[in-house]
Amino acid sequence: MEDTQSTTRERTTGNDGNREADNTMLMNSKPLHRFVQREPRSLGIIILMCGCAEVLMGFVMAGENTDTSYKIYVPFWQGALFLVCGILSIYTELHPSKRMVTVCLAMNVVTLLGVIVSIGYRIHCFGYYTFLIHRHHYYDHPSGDDWTYFQVAQLFGVEVILFLSSLCVSAILIFLCVVARFALKSTHTQIIIRHIPQPRSDTTSN
């Protein structure tokens, strides 16, 4: 009887181990879980930080008389897009599903279009600031205009920082779009082969 019980326990333990191995193999072979392995949550945190910086700098530039990206409210709507993309990336890693990956992909594409608009307008602002600084250097101005020069230089620096952060976020968004697209494409053609061993029938002699 003791031999029979020990044999049954070993068989049960072996079956449990096989099930855990099969489940692990299935989880690793799922395309959505391969998307999660790219750690979109970490990238989403970076996007969130850039979105917060955009919104905060938008409040700073709101009181300026010089033309800035605030003129078309770039820091606010682009910051909002970054915040939404960051939150979706974090949520998608915590709760992966085909629907969430699709929503995340669509939002990333919309944000990329917004980044293209903001980059174009900020390049226009760079040209305007360069013209103001050039005019200050080559023309005589009263000493009272020095404050205007330093103000333009500070705005130029802020816009450059936001411009570079937008470029970094756009690179992250392109990477997430590519990974999400491959994950969604693989879900249509995925084939999983499982080998389930047949239970062994042991005969016990009384």
Protein backbone atom coordinates (compact mmCIF):
# COMPACT_ATOMS: atom_id res chain seq x y z
CA MET A 1 0.00 0.00 0.00
CA GLU A 2 2.81 2.44 0.86
CA ASP A 3 4.48 1.76 -2.52
CA THR A 4 1.19 2.44 -4.28
CA GLN A 5 0.69 5.77 -2.43
CA SER A 6 4.26 6.91 -3.15
CA THR A 7 3.85 6.00 -6.83
CA THR A 8 0.59 7.98 -6.97
CA ARG A 9 2.24 10.99 -5.34
CA GLU A 10 5.15 10.89 -7.78
CA ARG A 11 2.74 10.63 -10.72
CA THR A 12 0.70 13.59 -9.42
CA THR A 13 3.84 15.67 -8.85
CA GLY A 14 5.06 14.83 -12.34
CA ASN A 15 1.73 15.81 -13.88
CA ASP A 16 1.74 19.13 -11.96
CA GLY A 17 5.27 19.82 -13.15
CA ASN A 18 4.26 19.10 -16.73
CA ARG A 19 1.27 21.43 -16.43
CA GLU A 20 3.43 24.24 -15.03
CA ALA A 21 5.98 23.72 -17.80
CA ASP A 22 3.23 23.78 -20.43
CA ASN A 23 1.71 26.93 -18.96
CA THR A 24 5.10 28.64 -18.85
CA MET A 25 5.76 27.66 -22.45
CA LEU A 26 2.37 29.03 -23.52
CA MET A 27 2.83 32.31 -21.66
CA ASN A 28 6.26 32.86 -23.22
CA SER A 29 5.02 32.01 -26.70
CA LYS A 30 2.11 34.46 -26.66
CA PRO A 31 2.85 37.55 -28.79
CA LEU A 32 1.20 39.91 -26.29
CA HIS A 33 3.48 38.63 -23.55
CA ARG A 34 6.46 39.15 -25.83
CA PHE A 35 5.23 42.75 -26.13
CA VAL A 36 5.16 43.01 -22.35
CA GLN A 37 8.75 41.74 -22.19
CA ARG A 38 9.81 44.97 -23.95
CA GLU A 39 8.88 46.74 -20.70
CA PRO A 40 6.41 49.36 -21.98
CA ARG A 41 5.81 50.40 -18.37
CA SER A 42 9.37 51.75 -18.03
CA LEU A 43 9.06 53.57 -21.34
CA GLY A 44 5.64 54.85 -20.28
CA ILE A 45 7.15 56.40 -17.15
CA ILE A 46 9.68 58.28 -19.31
CA ILE A 47 6.84 59.53 -21.54
CA LEU A 48 4.90 60.62 -18.45
CA MET A 49 7.88 62.64 -17.19
CA CYS A 50 8.23 64.38 -20.55
CA GLY A 51 4.49 65.12 -20.57
CA CYS A 52 4.68 66.70 -17.10
CA ALA A 53 7.63 68.84 -18.24
CA GLU A 54 5.66 70.02 -21.29
CA VAL A 55 2.65 71.05 -19.22
CA LEU A 56 4.74 72.81 -16.56
CA MET A 57 6.73 74.75 -19.15
CA GLY A 58 3.46 75.69 -20.81
CA PHE A 59 2.39 77.54 -17.66
CA VAL A 60 5.77 79.29 -17.57
CA MET A 61 5.52 80.43 -21.20
CA ALA A 62 1.90 81.50 -20.86
CA GLY A 63 2.83 84.96 -19.57
CA GLU A 64 5.44 85.74 -22.23
CA ASN A 65 4.87 88.40 -24.89
CA THR A 66 7.42 86.89 -27.29
CA ASP A 67 6.20 84.27 -29.73
CA THR A 68 6.62 80.80 -28.23
CA SER A 69 5.16 77.37 -28.81
CA TYR A 70 2.43 78.45 -26.38
CA LYS A 71 0.97 80.51 -29.24
CA ILE A 72 -0.70 77.35 -30.58
CA TYR A 73 -0.84 75.73 -27.12
CA VAL A 74 1.77 73.09 -28.01
CA PRO A 75 2.90 72.41 -24.40
CA PHE A 76 -0.65 71.69 -23.25
CA TRP A 77 -2.02 69.46 -25.99
CA GLN A 78 1.28 67.70 -26.58
CA GLY A 79 1.78 67.27 -22.84
CA ALA A 80 -1.73 65.80 -22.58
CA LEU A 81 -0.95 63.36 -25.42
CA PHE A 82 2.26 62.30 -23.69
CA LEU A 83 0.43 61.75 -20.41
CA VAL A 84 -2.24 59.61 -22.07
CA CYS A 85 0.36 57.53 -23.95
CA GLY A 86 2.38 57.00 -20.78
CA ILE A 87 -0.65 55.89 -18.78
CA LEU A 88 -1.75 53.51 -21.56
CA SER A 89 1.73 51.97 -21.81
CA ILE A 90 1.83 51.35 -18.06
CA TYR A 91 -1.69 49.93 -18.00
CA THR A 92 -1.03 47.69 -21.01
CA GLU A 93 1.92 46.02 -19.28
CA LEU A 94 -0.11 45.46 -16.10
CA HIS A 95 -3.21 44.18 -17.98
CA PRO A 96 -2.07 42.91 -21.40
CA SER A 97 -4.78 42.23 -23.93
CA LYS A 98 -5.22 42.55 -27.66
CA ARG A 99 -7.67 45.43 -27.23
CA MET A 100 -5.31 47.41 -24.98
CA VAL A 101 -2.38 46.91 -27.35
CA THR A 102 -4.57 48.16 -30.23
CA VAL A 103 -5.64 51.25 -28.28
CA CYS A 104 -2.04 51.91 -27.25
CA LEU A 105 -0.88 51.60 -30.87
CA ALA A 106 -3.56 54.00 -32.14
CA MET A 107 -2.77 56.58 -29.45
CA ASN A 108 0.95 56.36 -30.18
CA VAL A 109 0.33 57.05 -33.87
CA VAL A 110 -1.85 60.10 -33.05
CA THR A 111 0.81 61.40 -30.67
CA LEU A 112 3.51 60.96 -33.32
CA LEU A 113 1.48 63.15 -35.68
CA GLY A 114 1.21 65.78 -32.94
CA VAL A 115 4.97 65.62 -32.34
CA ILE A 116 5.58 66.29 -36.05
CA VAL A 117 3.42 69.43 -35.83
CA SER A 118 5.13 70.65 -32.66
CA ILE A 119 8.63 70.02 -34.06
CA GLY A 120 7.78 72.04 -37.18
CA TYR A 121 6.43 74.96 -35.17
CA ARG A 122 9.38 74.94 -32.75
CA ILE A 123 11.81 75.06 -35.67
CA HIS A 124 9.95 78.19 -36.77
CA CYS A 125 10.38 79.60 -33.23
CA PHE A 126 14.12 78.82 -33.36
CA GLY A 127 14.43 80.92 -36.51
CA TYR A 128 12.56 83.79 -34.87
CA TYR A 129 14.74 83.68 -31.73
CA THR A 130 17.90 83.53 -33.83
CA PHE A 131 16.74 86.63 -35.69
CA LEU A 132 16.13 88.51 -32.42
CA ILE A 133 19.54 87.54 -31.01
CA HIS A 134 21.24 88.43 -34.28
CA ARG A 135 19.54 91.83 -34.34
CA HIS A 136 20.61 92.49 -30.74
CA HIS A 137 24.26 91.77 -31.55
CA TYR A 138 24.52 93.80 -34.76
CA TYR A 139 22.45 96.85 -33.88
CA ASP A 140 22.88 99.32 -31.07
CA HIS A 141 20.20 99.20 -28.41
CA PRO A 142 19.72 101.03 -25.17
CA SER A 143 21.00 99.19 -22.13
CA GLY A 144 17.44 98.64 -20.99
CA ASP A 145 16.94 96.14 -23.81
CA ASP A 146 19.43 93.71 -22.26
CA TRP A 147 16.60 92.17 -20.27
CA THR A 148 14.75 91.42 -23.51
CA TYR A 149 17.87 89.70 -24.87
CA PHE A 150 18.25 87.50 -21.78
CA GLN A 151 14.53 86.72 -21.85
CA VAL A 152 14.75 85.56 -25.47
CA ALA A 153 17.84 83.49 -24.66
CA GLN A 154 16.02 81.77 -21.78
CA LEU A 155 13.00 81.02 -23.95
CA PHE A 156 15.34 79.69 -26.63
CA GLY A 157 16.89 77.30 -24.08
CA VAL A 158 13.49 76.11 -22.83
CA GLU A 159 12.26 75.47 -26.36
CA VAL A 160 15.44 73.54 -27.21
CA ILE A 161 14.98 71.30 -24.15
CA LEU A 162 11.34 70.62 -25.04
CA PHE A 163 12.35 70.03 -28.66
CA LEU A 164 14.93 67.41 -27.64
CA SER A 165 12.47 65.73 -25.25
CA SER A 166 9.93 65.54 -28.08
CA LEU A 167 12.53 63.83 -30.27
CA CYS A 168 13.28 61.29 -27.52
CA VAL A 169 9.58 60.59 -26.98
CA SER A 170 9.02 60.20 -30.72
CA ALA A 171 11.80 57.57 -30.85
CA ILE A 172 10.18 55.70 -27.94
CA LEU A 173 6.75 55.91 -29.60
CA ILE A 174 8.10 54.56 -32.89
CA PHE A 175 9.67 51.63 -31.03
CA LEU A 176 6.40 50.90 -29.18
CA CYS A 177 4.41 51.14 -32.43
CA VAL A 178 6.69 48.63 -34.15
CA VAL A 179 6.57 46.18 -31.24
CA ALA A 180 2.79 46.51 -30.88
CA ARG A 181 2.27 46.04 -34.62
CA PHE A 182 4.34 42.84 -34.65
CA ALA A 183 2.48 41.59 -31.56
CA LEU A 184 -0.92 42.18 -33.16
CA LYS A 185 0.21 40.66 -36.46
CA SER A 186 1.50 37.54 -34.70
CA THR A 187 -1.81 36.93 -32.94
CA HIS A 188 -3.43 36.20 -36.32
CA THR A 189 -0.85 33.60 -37.41
CA GLN A 190 0.08 32.09 -34.07
CA ILE A 191 0.19 28.29 -33.88
CA ILE A 192 0.82 26.60 -30.56
CA ILE A 193 1.67 22.91 -30.41
CA ARG A 194 1.29 21.20 -27.07
CA HIS A 195 2.48 17.73 -26.32
CA ILE A 196 0.30 16.21 -23.62
CA PRO A 197 1.71 12.91 -22.42
CA GLN A 198 -0.80 10.09 -22.00
CA PRO A 199 -1.33 9.02 -18.39
CA ARG A 200 0.38 5.76 -17.56
CA SER A 201 -1.89 3.01 -16.28
CA ASP A 202 -0.16 1.23 -13.42
CA THR A 203 -1.55 -2.10 -12.35
CA THR A 204 -1.19 -2.95 -8.73
CA SER A 205 -1.09 -6.47 -7.64
CA ASN A 206 -2.91 -7.23 -4.42
